[in-house]
Amino acid sequence: MPVNVNEIIRKLSPAERKKVEERAAEIMAEEMSLRDLRKARKLTQARIAKKLGITQDSVSRLEKRSDLLLSTLRKTVKAMGGDVRIVAEFPDRAPVVLTELSEDAPPRKAARRHAHANA
């Protein structure tokens, strides 16, 4: 006979249930699609479309794409109230945040000129 996970969870103590819910939230936070993220933020495609100045259908298509421009991803996440950080991970060192890809990072040439001027 199949086991119903909801029945199992109902039988747990409140403390155990809380642990299960917290871990489920952690797992969900580790990886989400844009669609999942939008829904978790309780936002509609229409609301995101309005913030981005595009149609609801465009948001739907955007959510289905697997390859986005970084600027498109940044604008979409910003419309949801968040920010995008790009992190490079290597097996032999701590994760590295790529700052030159940040929206508020100075242009590369300007950053170099600034560094040379202060040297």
PDB file of N, CA and C in Angstrom:
ATOM      1  N   MET A   1       0.857  -1.181   0.000  1.00  0.00           N
ATOM      2  CA  MET A   1       0.000   0.000   0.000  1.00  0.00           C
ATOM      3  C   MET A   1       0.901   1.241   0.000  1.00  0.00           C
ATOM      4  N   PRO A   2       0.613   2.249  -0.840  1.00  0.00           N
ATOM      5  CA  PRO A   2       1.441   3.459  -0.900  1.00  0.00           C
ATOM      6  C   PRO A   2       1.369   4.249   0.407  1.00  0.00           C
ATOM      7  N   VAL A   3       2.475   4.884   0.708  1.00  0.00           N
ATOM      8  CA  VAL A   3       2.561   5.693   1.922  1.00  0.00           C
ATOM      9  C   VAL A   3       2.287   7.146   1.550  1.00  0.00           C
ATOM     10  N   ASN A   4       1.425   7.798   2.303  1.00  0.00           N
ATOM     11  CA  ASN A   4       1.109   9.200   2.070  1.00  0.00           C
ATOM     12  C   ASN A   4       2.029  10.048   2.937  1.00  0.00           C
ATOM     13  N   VAL A   5       2.861  10.855   2.293  1.00  0.00           N
ATOM     14  CA  VAL A   5       3.834  11.665   3.023  1.00  0.00           C
ATOM     15  C   VAL A   5       3.150  12.655   3.968  1.00  0.00           C
ATOM     16  N   ASN A   6       1.996  13.161   3.588  1.00  0.00           N
ATOM     17  CA  ASN A   6       1.277  14.101   4.460  1.00  0.00           C
ATOM     18  C   ASN A   6       0.858  13.437   5.772  1.00  0.00           C
ATOM     19  N   GLU A   7       0.470  12.151   5.706  1.00  0.00           N
ATOM     20  CA  GLU A   7       0.109  11.426   6.928  1.00  0.00           C
ATOM     21  C   GLU A   7       1.322  11.268   7.834  1.00  0.00           C
ATOM     22  N   ILE A   8       2.457  10.961   7.237  1.00  0.00           N
ATOM     23  CA  ILE A   8       3.689  10.804   8.018  1.00  0.00           C
ATOM     24  C   ILE A   8       4.049  12.121   8.696  1.00  0.00           C
ATOM     25  N   ILE A   9       3.971  13.209   7.962  1.00  0.00           N
ATOM     26  CA  ILE A   9       4.308  14.527   8.517  1.00  0.00           C
ATOM     27  C   ILE A   9       3.344  14.904   9.636  1.00  0.00           C
ATOM     28  N   ARG A  10       2.052  14.591   9.464  1.00  0.00           N
ATOM     29  CA  ARG A  10       1.061  14.898  10.504  1.00  0.00           C
ATOM     30  C   ARG A  10       1.364  14.171  11.809  1.00  0.00           C
ATOM     31  N   LYS A  11       1.984  12.998  11.725  1.00  0.00           N
ATOM     32  CA  LYS A  11       2.289  12.207  12.920  1.00  0.00           C
ATOM     33  C   LYS A  11       3.542  12.698  13.647  1.00  0.00           C
ATOM     34  N   LEU A  12       4.303  13.575  13.025  1.00  0.00           N
ATOM     35  CA  LEU A  12       5.519  14.095  13.653  1.00  0.00           C
ATOM     36  C   LEU A  12       5.184  15.094  14.757  1.00  0.00           C
ATOM     37  N   SER A  13       6.098  15.229  15.689  1.00  0.00           N
ATOM     38  CA  SER A  13       5.929  16.243  16.735  1.00  0.00           C
ATOM     39  C   SER A  13       6.084  17.624  16.091  1.00  0.00           C
ATOM     40  N   PRO A  14       5.580  18.670  16.742  1.00  0.00           N
ATOM     41  CA  PRO A  14       5.740  20.022  16.179  1.00  0.00           C
ATOM     42  C   PRO A  14       7.204  20.372  15.903  1.00  0.00           C
ATOM     43  N   ALA A  15       8.109  19.961  16.772  1.00  0.00           N
ATOM     44  CA  ALA A  15       9.538  20.254  16.579  1.00  0.00           C
ATOM     45  C   ALA A  15      10.077  19.520  15.349  1.00  0.00           C
ATOM     46  N   GLU A  16       9.670  18.253  15.186  1.00  0.00           N
ATOM     47  CA  GLU A  16      10.116  17.480  14.019  1.00  0.00           C
ATOM     48  C   GLU A  16       9.534  18.058  12.728  1.00  0.00           C
ATOM     49  N   ARG A  17       8.262  18.451  12.784  1.00  0.00           N
ATOM     50  CA  ARG A  17       7.610  19.061  11.614  1.00  0.00           C
ATOM     51  C   ARG A  17       8.330  20.335  11.205  1.00  0.00           C
ATOM     52  N   LYS A  18       8.710  21.136  12.212  1.00  0.00           N
ATOM     53  CA  LYS A  18       9.414  22.385  11.936  1.00  0.00           C
ATOM     54  C   LYS A  18      10.751  22.109  11.248  1.00  0.00           C
ATOM     55  N   LYS A  19      11.474  21.084  11.720  1.00  0.00           N
ATOM     56  CA  LYS A  19      12.753  20.722  11.106  1.00  0.00           C
ATOM     57  C   LYS A  19      12.557  20.301   9.648  1.00  0.00           C
ATOM     58  N   VAL A  20      11.517  19.520   9.389  1.00  0.00           N
ATOM     59  CA  VAL A  20      11.223  19.070   8.025  1.00  0.00           C
ATOM     60  C   VAL A  20      10.902  20.274   7.141  1.00  0.00           C
ATOM     61  N   GLU A  21      10.069  21.180   7.635  1.00  0.00           N
ATOM     62  CA  GLU A  21       9.704  22.371   6.864  1.00  0.00           C
ATOM     63  C   GLU A  21      10.914  23.259   6.592  1.00  0.00           C
ATOM     64  N   GLU A  22      11.790  23.426   7.597  1.00  0.00           N
ATOM     65  CA  GLU A  22      12.989  24.249   7.412  1.00  0.00           C
ATOM     66  C   GLU A  22      13.919  23.642   6.371  1.00  0.00           C
ATOM     67  N   ARG A  23      14.095  22.319   6.437  1.00  0.00           N
ATOM     68  CA  ARG A  23      14.980  21.667   5.462  1.00  0.00           C
ATOM     69  C   ARG A  23      14.374  21.724   4.064  1.00  0.00           C
ATOM     70  N   ALA A  24      13.073  21.566   3.961  1.00  0.00           N
ATOM     71  CA  ALA A  24      12.409  21.663   2.659  1.00  0.00           C
ATOM     72  C   ALA A  24      12.608  23.056   2.074  1.00  0.00           C
ATOM     73  N   ALA A  25      12.511  24.079   2.907  1.00  0.00           N
ATOM     74  CA  ALA A  25      12.731  25.457   2.448  1.00  0.00           C
ATOM     75  C   ALA A  25      14.173  25.648   1.989  1.00  0.00           C
ATOM     76  N   GLU A  26      15.131  25.055   2.709  1.00  0.00           N
ATOM     77  CA  GLU A  26      16.543  25.144   2.312  1.00  0.00           C
ATOM     78  C   GLU A  26      16.765  24.502   0.947  1.00  0.00           C
ATOM     79  N   ILE A  27      16.197  23.320   0.764  1.00  0.00           N
ATOM     80  CA  ILE A  27      16.359  22.607  -0.508  1.00  0.00           C
ATOM     81  C   ILE A  27      15.747  23.416  -1.640  1.00  0.00           C
ATOM     82  N   MET A  28      14.568  23.968  -1.412  1.00  0.00           N
ATOM     83  CA  MET A  28      13.917  24.774  -2.449  1.00  0.00           C
ATOM     84  C   MET A  28      14.729  26.024  -2.761  1.00  0.00           C
ATOM     85  N   ALA A  29      15.362  26.615  -1.756  1.00  0.00           N
ATOM     86  CA  ALA A  29      16.136  27.836  -1.955  1.00  0.00           C
ATOM     87  C   ALA A  29      17.433  27.568  -2.709  1.00  0.00           C
ATOM     88  N   GLU A  30      17.917  26.335  -2.678  1.00  0.00           N
ATOM     89  CA  GLU A  30      19.181  26.012  -3.324  1.00  0.00           C
ATOM     90  C   GLU A  30      19.095  26.107  -4.841  1.00  0.00           C
ATOM     91  N   GLU A  31      17.975  25.780  -5.408  1.00  0.00           N
ATOM     92  CA  GLU A  31      17.848  25.821  -6.859  1.00  0.00           C
ATOM     93  C   GLU A  31      16.397  26.048  -7.246  1.00  0.00           C
ATOM     94  N   MET A  32      16.169  27.100  -8.010  1.00  0.00           N
ATOM     95  CA  MET A  32      14.826  27.419  -8.490  1.00  0.00           C
ATOM     96  C   MET A  32      14.922  27.958  -9.902  1.00  0.00           C
ATOM     97  N   SER A  33      13.897  27.706 -10.670  1.00  0.00           N
ATOM     98  CA  SER A  33      13.802  28.341 -11.979  1.00  0.00           C
ATOM     99  C   SER A  33      13.266  29.758 -11.765  1.00  0.00           C
ATOM    100  N   LEU A  34      13.337  30.582 -12.788  1.00  0.00           N
ATOM    101  CA  LEU A  34      12.756  31.932 -12.675  1.00  0.00           C
ATOM    102  C   LEU A  34      11.273  31.843 -12.341  1.00  0.00           C
ATOM    103  N   ARG A  35      10.592  30.893 -12.952  1.00  0.00           N
ATOM    104  CA  ARG A  35       9.160  30.705 -12.695  1.00  0.00           C
ATOM    105  C   ARG A  35       8.929  30.356 -11.227  1.00  0.00           C
ATOM    106  N   ASP A  36       9.710  29.395 -10.716  1.00  0.00           N
ATOM    107  CA  ASP A  36       9.575  29.000  -9.312  1.00  0.00           C
ATOM    108  C   ASP A  36       9.865  30.174  -8.382  1.00  0.00           C
ATOM    109  N   LEU A  37      10.891  30.938  -8.725  1.00  0.00           N
ATOM    110  CA  LEU A  37      11.269  32.093  -7.915  1.00  0.00           C
ATOM    111  C   LEU A  37      10.147  33.129  -7.898  1.00  0.00           C
ATOM    112  N   ARG A  38       9.571  33.394  -9.072  1.00  0.00           N
ATOM    113  CA  ARG A  38       8.465  34.355  -9.156  1.00  0.00           C
ATOM    114  C   ARG A  38       7.291  33.890  -8.299  1.00  0.00           C
ATOM    115  N   LYS A  39       6.960  32.608  -8.403  1.00  0.00           N
ATOM    116  CA  LYS A  39       5.838  32.078  -7.622  1.00  0.00           C
ATOM    117  C   LYS A  39       6.137  32.102  -6.123  1.00  0.00           C
ATOM    118  N   ALA A  40       7.378  31.798  -5.750  1.00  0.00           N
ATOM    119  CA  ALA A  40       7.760  31.843  -4.335  1.00  0.00           C
ATOM    120  C   ALA A  40       7.641  33.259  -3.790  1.00  0.00           C
ATOM    121  N   ARG A  41       7.845  34.251  -4.643  1.00  0.00           N
ATOM    122  CA  ARG A  41       7.719  35.656  -4.248  1.00  0.00           C
ATOM    123  C   ARG A  41       6.259  36.123  -4.338  1.00  0.00           C
ATOM    124  N   LYS A  42       5.368  35.203  -4.723  1.00  0.00           N
ATOM    125  CA  LYS A  42       3.930  35.486  -4.847  1.00  0.00           C
ATOM    126  C   LYS A  42       3.656  36.627  -5.826  1.00  0.00           C
ATOM    127  N   LEU A  43       4.349  36.565  -6.969  1.00  0.00           N
ATOM    128  CA  LEU A  43       4.180  37.566  -8.019  1.00  0.00           C
ATOM    129  C   LEU A  43       3.576  36.910  -9.251  1.00  0.00           C
ATOM    130  N   THR A  44       2.777  37.667  -9.983  1.00  0.00           N
ATOM    131  CA  THR A  44       2.194  37.158 -11.219  1.00  0.00           C
ATOM    132  C   THR A  44       3.067  37.562 -12.402  1.00  0.00           C
ATOM    133  N   GLN A  45       2.898  36.835 -13.504  1.00  0.00           N
ATOM    134  CA  GLN A  45       3.602  37.208 -14.730  1.00  0.00           C
ATOM    135  C   GLN A  45       3.175  38.608 -15.163  1.00  0.00           C
ATOM    136  N   ALA A  46       1.912  38.931 -14.984  1.00  0.00           N
ATOM    137  CA  ALA A  46       1.408  40.254 -15.380  1.00  0.00           C
ATOM    138  C   ALA A  46       2.097  41.365 -14.584  1.00  0.00           C
ATOM    139  N   ARG A  47       2.304  41.136 -13.309  1.00  0.00           N
ATOM    140  CA  ARG A  47       2.961  42.159 -12.479  1.00  0.00           C
ATOM    141  C   ARG A  47       4.426  42.341 -12.888  1.00  0.00           C
ATOM    142  N   ILE A  48       5.120  41.240 -13.142  1.00  0.00           N
ATOM    143  CA  ILE A  48       6.511  41.319 -13.597  1.00  0.00           C
ATOM    144  C   ILE A  48       6.563  42.012 -14.950  1.00  0.00           C
ATOM    145  N   ALA A  49       5.635  41.666 -15.836  1.00  0.00           N
ATOM    146  CA  ALA A  49       5.591  42.284 -17.167  1.00  0.00           C
ATOM    147  C   ALA A  49       5.433  43.793 -17.059  1.00  0.00           C
ATOM    148  N   LYS A  50       4.554  44.231 -16.172  1.00  0.00           N
ATOM    149  CA  LYS A  50       4.332  45.669 -15.996  1.00  0.00           C
ATOM    150  C   LYS A  50       5.610  46.357 -15.521  1.00  0.00           C
ATOM    151  N   LYS A  51       6.303  45.741 -14.556  1.00  0.00           N
ATOM    152  CA  LYS A  51       7.547  46.330 -14.045  1.00  0.00           C
ATOM    153  C   LYS A  51       8.633  46.384 -15.115  1.00  0.00           C
ATOM    154  N   LEU A  52       8.643  45.393 -16.011  1.00  0.00           N
ATOM    155  CA  LEU A  52       9.664  45.330 -17.055  1.00  0.00           C
ATOM    156  C   LEU A  52       9.267  46.081 -18.325  1.00  0.00           C
ATOM    157  N   GLY A  53       7.996  46.477 -18.408  1.00  0.00           N
ATOM    158  CA  GLY A  53       7.524  47.169 -19.607  1.00  0.00           C
ATOM    159  C   GLY A  53       7.391  46.240 -20.804  1.00  0.00           C
ATOM    160  N   ILE A  54       7.024  44.980 -20.531  1.00  0.00           N
ATOM    161  CA  ILE A  54       6.826  44.003 -21.600  1.00  0.00           C
ATOM    162  C   ILE A  54       5.471  43.340 -21.396  1.00  0.00           C
ATOM    163  N   THR A  55       5.107  42.429 -22.288  1.00  0.00           N
ATOM    164  CA  THR A  55       3.818  41.748 -22.164  1.00  0.00           C
ATOM    165  C   THR A  55       3.928  40.535 -21.243  1.00  0.00           C
ATOM    166  N   GLN A  56       2.787  40.090 -20.746  1.00  0.00           N
ATOM    167  CA  GLN A  56       2.743  38.889 -19.909  1.00  0.00           C
ATOM    168  C   GLN A  56       3.248  37.694 -20.698  1.00  0.00           C
ATOM    169  N   ASP A  57       2.901  37.623 -21.982  1.00  0.00           N
ATOM    170  CA  ASP A  57       3.357  36.526 -22.833  1.00  0.00           C
ATOM    171  C   ASP A  57       4.887  36.508 -22.933  1.00  0.00           C
ATOM    172  N   SER A  58       5.493  37.694 -22.966  1.00  0.00           N
ATOM    173  CA  SER A  58       6.961  37.776 -23.022  1.00  0.00           C
ATOM    174  C   SER A  58       7.587  37.225 -21.743  1.00  0.00           C
ATOM    175  N   VAL A  59       6.953  37.497 -20.604  1.00  0.00           N
ATOM    176  CA  VAL A  59       7.451  36.956 -19.334  1.00  0.00           C
ATOM    177  C   VAL A  59       7.334  35.432 -19.355  1.00  0.00           C
ATOM    178  N   SER A  60       6.230  34.919 -19.862  1.00  0.00           N
ATOM    179  CA  SER A  60       6.039  33.475 -19.960  1.00  0.00           C
ATOM    180  C   SER A  60       7.146  32.843 -20.803  1.00  0.00           C
ATOM    181  N   ARG A  61       7.436  33.441 -21.945  1.00  0.00           N
ATOM    182  CA  ARG A  61       8.500  32.918 -22.817  1.00  0.00           C
ATOM    183  C   ARG A  61       9.867  33.026 -22.147  1.00  0.00           C
ATOM    184  N   LEU A  62      10.092  34.131 -21.453  1.00  0.00           N
ATOM    185  CA  LEU A  62      11.360  34.345 -20.753  1.00  0.00           C
ATOM    186  C   LEU A  62      11.586  33.241 -19.710  1.00  0.00           C
ATOM    187  N   GLU A  63      10.526  32.890 -18.986  1.00  0.00           N
ATOM    188  CA  GLU A  63      10.633  31.869 -17.943  1.00  0.00           C
ATOM    189  C   GLU A  63      10.941  30.487 -18.513  1.00  0.00           C
ATOM    190  N   LYS A  64      10.608  30.264 -19.769  1.00  0.00           N
ATOM    191  CA  LYS A  64      10.838  28.958 -20.398  1.00  0.00           C
ATOM    192  C   LYS A  64      12.219  28.845 -21.031  1.00  0.00           C
ATOM    193  N   ARG A  65      12.909  29.965 -21.179  1.00  0.00           N
ATOM    194  CA  ARG A  65      14.219  29.950 -21.833  1.00  0.00           C
ATOM    195  C   ARG A  65      15.283  29.385 -20.902  1.00  0.00           C
ATOM    196  N   SER A  66      16.231  28.688 -21.493  1.00  0.00           N
ATOM    197  CA  SER A  66      17.339  28.154 -20.694  1.00  0.00           C
ATOM    198  C   SER A  66      18.605  28.983 -20.878  1.00  0.00           C
ATOM    199  N   ASP A  67      18.579  29.929 -21.816  1.00  0.00           N
ATOM    200  CA  ASP A  67      19.759  30.749 -22.098  1.00  0.00           C
ATOM    201  C   ASP A  67      19.320  32.210 -22.155  1.00  0.00           C
ATOM    202  N   LEU A  68      19.706  32.988 -21.135  1.00  0.00           N
ATOM    203  CA  LEU A  68      19.313  34.392 -21.044  1.00  0.00           C
ATOM    204  C   LEU A  68      20.536  35.289 -21.057  1.00  0.00           C
ATOM    205  N   LEU A  69      20.372  36.493 -21.547  1.00  0.00           N
ATOM    206  CA  LEU A  69      21.411  37.496 -21.371  1.00  0.00           C
ATOM    207  C   LEU A  69      21.479  37.836 -19.890  1.00  0.00           C
ATOM    208  N   LEU A  70      22.657  38.106 -19.412  1.00  0.00           N
ATOM    209  CA  LEU A  70      22.826  38.468 -18.002  1.00  0.00           C
ATOM    210  C   LEU A  70      21.998  39.703 -17.662  1.00  0.00           C
ATOM    211  N   SER A  71      21.948  40.665 -18.573  1.00  0.00           N
ATOM    212  CA  SER A  71      21.170  41.888 -18.327  1.00  0.00           C
ATOM    213  C   SER A  71      19.680  41.572 -18.198  1.00  0.00           C
ATOM    214  N   THR A  72      19.183  40.619 -18.982  1.00  0.00           N
ATOM    215  CA  THR A  72      17.772  40.223 -18.901  1.00  0.00           C
ATOM    216  C   THR A  72      17.497  39.538 -17.569  1.00  0.00           C
ATOM    217  N   LEU A  73      18.387  38.654 -17.170  1.00  0.00           N
ATOM    218  CA  LEU A  73      18.235  37.977 -15.882  1.00  0.00           C
ATOM    219  C   LEU A  73      18.250  38.988 -14.747  1.00  0.00           C
ATOM    220  N   ARG A  74      19.191  39.918 -14.797  1.00  0.00           N
ATOM    221  CA  ARG A  74      19.319  40.936 -13.741  1.00  0.00           C
ATOM    222  C   ARG A  74      18.038  41.770 -13.644  1.00  0.00           C
ATOM    223  N   LYS A  75      17.520  42.239 -14.790  1.00  0.00           N
ATOM    224  CA  LYS A  75      16.296  43.058 -14.786  1.00  0.00           C
ATOM    225  C   LYS A  75      15.110  42.270 -14.237  1.00  0.00           C
ATOM    226  N   THR A  76      15.014  41.002 -14.629  1.00  0.00           N
ATOM    227  CA  THR A  76      13.889  40.180 -14.184  1.00  0.00           C
ATOM    228  C   THR A  76      13.940  39.945 -12.679  1.00  0.00           C
ATOM    229  N   VAL A  77      15.104  39.606 -12.172  1.00  0.00           N
ATOM    230  CA  VAL A  77      15.247  39.374 -10.729  1.00  0.00           C
ATOM    231  C   VAL A  77      15.024  40.678  -9.967  1.00  0.00           C
ATOM    232  N   LYS A  78      15.505  41.784 -10.516  1.00  0.00           N
ATOM    233  CA  LYS A  78      15.289  43.088  -9.875  1.00  0.00           C
ATOM    234  C   LYS A  78      13.793  43.407  -9.809  1.00  0.00           C
ATOM    235  N   ALA A  79      13.049  43.055 -10.866  1.00  0.00           N
ATOM    236  CA  ALA A  79      11.599  43.275 -10.875  1.00  0.00           C
ATOM    237  C   ALA A  79      10.908  42.454  -9.789  1.00  0.00           C
ATOM    238  N   MET A  80      11.548  41.368  -9.363  1.00  0.00           N
ATOM    239  CA  MET A  80      11.008  40.533  -8.285  1.00  0.00           C
ATOM    240  C   MET A  80      11.462  41.025  -6.918  1.00  0.00           C
ATOM    241  N   GLY A  81      12.324  42.051  -6.907  1.00  0.00           N
ATOM    242  CA  GLY A  81      12.795  42.604  -5.642  1.00  0.00           C
ATOM    243  C   GLY A  81      14.156  42.082  -5.207  1.00  0.00           C
ATOM    244  N   GLY A  82      14.862  41.396  -6.100  1.00  0.00           N
ATOM    245  CA  GLY A  82      16.152  40.814  -5.731  1.00  0.00           C
ATOM    246  C   GLY A  82      17.309  41.375  -6.537  1.00  0.00           C
ATOM    247  N   ASP A  83      18.471  40.824  -6.311  1.00  0.00           N
ATOM    248  CA  ASP A  83      19.694  41.176  -7.025  1.00  0.00           C
ATOM    249  C   ASP A  83      20.355  39.890  -7.504  1.00  0.00           C
ATOM    250  N   VAL A  84      21.163  40.003  -8.546  1.00  0.00           N
ATOM    251  CA  VAL A  84      21.888  38.852  -9.079  1.00  0.00           C
ATOM    252  C   VAL A  84      23.363  38.993  -8.741  1.00  0.00           C
ATOM    253  N   ARG A  85      23.935  37.925  -8.227  1.00  0.00           N
ATOM    254  CA  ARG A  85      25.385  37.855  -8.011  1.00  0.00           C
ATOM    255  C   ARG A  85      25.881  36.627  -8.757  1.00  0.00           C
ATOM    256  N   ILE A  86      26.975  36.781  -9.471  1.00  0.00           N
ATOM    257  CA  ILE A  86      27.564  35.650 -10.173  1.00  0.00           C
ATOM    258  C   ILE A  86      28.765  35.180  -9.352  1.00  0.00           C
ATOM    259  N   VAL A  87      28.771  33.907  -9.017  1.00  0.00           N
ATOM    260  CA  VAL A  87      29.830  33.340  -8.193  1.00  0.00           C
ATOM    261  C   VAL A  87      30.512  32.217  -8.968  1.00  0.00           C
ATOM    262  N   ALA A  88      31.837  32.293  -9.066  1.00  0.00           N
ATOM    263  CA  ALA A  88      32.620  31.221  -9.676  1.00  0.00           C
ATOM    264  C   ALA A  88      33.100  30.298  -8.562  1.00  0.00           C
ATOM    265  N   GLU A  89      32.896  28.999  -8.750  1.00  0.00           N
ATOM    266  CA  GLU A  89      33.303  28.027  -7.742  1.00  0.00           C
ATOM    267  C   GLU A  89      34.366  27.106  -8.321  1.00  0.00           C
ATOM    268  N   PHE A  90      35.407  26.869  -7.543  1.00  0.00           N
ATOM    269  CA  PHE A  90      36.517  26.016  -7.938  1.00  0.00           C
ATOM    270  C   PHE A  90      36.761  24.992  -6.840  1.00  0.00           C
ATOM    271  N   PRO A  91      37.267  23.813  -7.189  1.00  0.00           N
ATOM    272  CA  PRO A  91      37.494  22.798  -6.165  1.00  0.00           C
ATOM    273  C   PRO A  91      38.625  23.144  -5.201  1.00  0.00           C
ATOM    274  N   ASP A  92      39.551  24.017  -5.627  1.00  0.00           N
ATOM    275  CA  ASP A  92      40.733  24.278  -4.808  1.00  0.00           C
ATOM    276  C   ASP A  92      40.757  25.639  -4.130  1.00  0.00           C
ATOM    277  N   ARG A  93      39.627  26.344  -4.117  1.00  0.00           N
ATOM    278  CA  ARG A  93      39.600  27.641  -3.443  1.00  0.00           C
ATOM    279  C   ARG A  93      38.170  28.009  -3.069  1.00  0.00           C
ATOM    280  N   ALA A  94      38.058  29.039  -2.258  1.00  0.00           N
ATOM    281  CA  ALA A  94      36.736  29.519  -1.843  1.00  0.00           C
ATOM    282  C   ALA A  94      36.015  30.134  -3.045  1.00  0.00           C
ATOM    283  N   PRO A  95      34.683  30.169  -3.024  1.00  0.00           N
ATOM    284  CA  PRO A  95      33.938  30.796  -4.117  1.00  0.00           C
ATOM    285  C   PRO A  95      34.354  32.252  -4.318  1.00  0.00           C
ATOM    286  N   VAL A  96      34.301  32.696  -5.575  1.00  0.00           N
ATOM    287  CA  VAL A  96      34.711  34.052  -5.937  1.00  0.00           C
ATOM    288  C   VAL A  96      33.526  34.773  -6.576  1.00  0.00           C
ATOM    289  N   VAL A  97      33.157  35.932  -6.030  1.00  0.00           N
ATOM    290  CA  VAL A  97      32.096  36.751  -6.617  1.00  0.00           C
ATOM    291  C   VAL A  97      32.712  37.552  -7.757  1.00  0.00           C
ATOM    292  N   LEU A  98      32.122  37.446  -8.943  1.00  0.00           N
ATOM    293  CA  LEU A  98      32.625  38.164 -10.109  1.00  0.00           C
ATOM    294  C   LEU A  98      32.057  39.577 -10.093  1.00  0.00           C
ATOM    295  N   THR A  99      32.844  40.524  -9.626  1.00  0.00           N
ATOM    296  CA  THR A  99      32.374  41.892  -9.421  1.00  0.00           C
ATOM    297  C   THR A  99      32.196  42.665 -10.713  1.00  0.00           C
ATOM    298  N   GLU A 100      32.976  42.396 -11.744  1.00  0.00           N
ATOM    299  CA  GLU A 100      32.853  43.164 -12.986  1.00  0.00           C
ATOM    300  C   GLU A 100      31.538  42.893 -13.701  1.00  0.00           C
ATOM    301  N   LEU A 101      30.826  41.853 -13.298  1.00  0.00           N
ATOM    302  CA  LEU A 101      29.538  41.547 -13.904  1.00  0.00           C
ATOM    303  C   LEU A 101      28.384  42.161 -13.129  1.00  0.00           C
ATOM    304  N   SER A 102      28.697  42.818 -12.038  1.00  0.00           N
ATOM    305  CA  SER A 102      27.686  43.444 -11.208  1.00  0.00           C
ATOM    306  C   SER A 102      27.153  44.697 -11.895  1.00  0.00           C
ATOM    307  N   GLU A 103      25.885  44.995 -11.671  1.00  0.00           N
ATOM    308  CA  GLU A 103      25.245  46.141 -12.315  1.00  0.00           C
ATOM    309  C   GLU A 103      25.897  47.459 -11.930  1.00  0.00           C
ATOM    310  N   ASP A 104      26.373  47.569 -10.698  1.00  0.00           N
ATOM    311  CA  ASP A 104      26.941  48.831 -10.238  1.00  0.00           C
ATOM    312  C   ASP A 104      28.470  48.854 -10.295  1.00  0.00           C
ATOM    313  N   ALA A 105      29.070  47.860 -10.938  1.00  0.00           N
ATOM    314  CA  ALA A 105      30.530  47.843 -11.083  1.00  0.00           C
ATOM    315  C   ALA A 105      30.948  48.893 -12.101  1.00  0.00           C
ATOM    316  N   PRO A 106      32.080  49.561 -11.858  1.00  0.00           N
ATOM    317  CA  PRO A 106      32.543  50.543 -12.838  1.00  0.00           C
ATOM    318  C   PRO A 106      32.958  49.841 -14.126  1.00  0.00           C
ATOM    319  N   PRO A 107      32.834  50.521 -15.264  1.00  0.00           N
ATOM    320  CA  PRO A 107      33.291  49.918 -16.507  1.00  0.00           C
ATOM    321  C   PRO A 107      34.762  49.547 -16.376  1.00  0.00           C
ATOM    322  N   ARG A 108      35.157  48.496 -17.057  1.00  0.00           N
ATOM    323  CA  ARG A 108      36.505  47.956 -16.898  1.00  0.00           C
ATOM    324  C   ARG A 108      37.596  48.985 -17.173  1.00  0.00           C
ATOM    325  N   LYS A 109      37.494  49.747 -18.273  1.00  0.00           N
ATOM    326  CA  LYS A 109      38.523  50.732 -18.608  1.00  0.00           C
ATOM    327  C   LYS A 109      38.594  51.821 -17.540  1.00  0.00           C
ATOM    328  N   ALA A 110      37.448  52.266 -17.068  1.00  0.00           N
ATOM    329  CA  ALA A 110      37.424  53.311 -16.039  1.00  0.00           C
ATOM    330  C   ALA A 110      38.065  52.792 -14.757  1.00  0.00           C
ATOM    331  N   ALA A 111      37.825  51.557 -14.424  1.00  0.00           N
ATOM    332  CA  ALA A 111      38.404  50.980 -13.210  1.00  0.00           C
ATOM    333  C   ALA A 111      39.922  50.940 -13.335  1.00  0.00           C
ATOM    334  N   ARG A 112      40.430  50.591 -14.518  1.00  0.00           N
ATOM    335  CA  ARG A 112      41.882  50.554 -14.718  1.00  0.00           C
ATOM    336  C   ARG A 112      42.474  51.953 -14.635  1.00  0.00           C
ATOM    337  N   ARG A 113      41.830  52.925 -15.300  1.00  0.00           N
ATOM    338  CA  ARG A 113      42.329  54.302 -15.262  1.00  0.00           C
ATOM    339  C   ARG A 113      42.385  54.805 -13.832  1.00  0.00           C
ATOM    340  N   HIS A 114      41.333  54.483 -13.069  1.00  0.00           N
ATOM    341  CA  HIS A 114      41.258  54.907 -11.674  1.00  0.00           C
ATOM    342  C   HIS A 114      42.404  54.286 -10.869  1.00  0.00           C
ATOM    343  N   ALA A 115      42.690  53.024 -11.124  1.00  0.00           N
ATOM    344  CA  ALA A 115      43.767  52.338 -10.405  1.00  0.00           C
ATOM    345  C   ALA A 115      45.121  52.956 -10.759  1.00  0.00           C
ATOM    346  N   HIS A 116      45.337  53.284 -12.050  1.00  0.00           N
ATOM    347  CA  HIS A 116      46.603  53.891 -12.465  1.00  0.00           C
ATOM    348  C   HIS A 116      46.748  55.304 -11.913  1.00  0.00           C
ATOM    349  N   ALA A 117      45.672  56.041 -11.825  1.00  0.00           N
ATOM    350  CA  ALA A 117      45.720  57.419 -11.331  1.00  0.00           C
ATOM    351  C   ALA A 117      46.103  57.453  -9.854  1.00  0.00           C
ATOM    352  N   ASN A 118      45.697  56.419  -9.118  1.00  0.00           N
ATOM    353  CA  ASN A 118      45.992  56.367  -7.687  1.00  0.00           C
ATOM    354  C   ASN A 118      47.330  55.701  -7.378  1.00  0.00           C
ATOM    355  N   ALA A 119      48.014  55.182  -8.394  1.00  0.00           N
ATOM    356  CA  ALA A 119      49.281  54.466  -8.161  1.00  0.00           C
ATOM    357  C   ALA A 119      50.436  55.420  -7.974  1.00  0.00           C
TER     358      ALA A 119
END
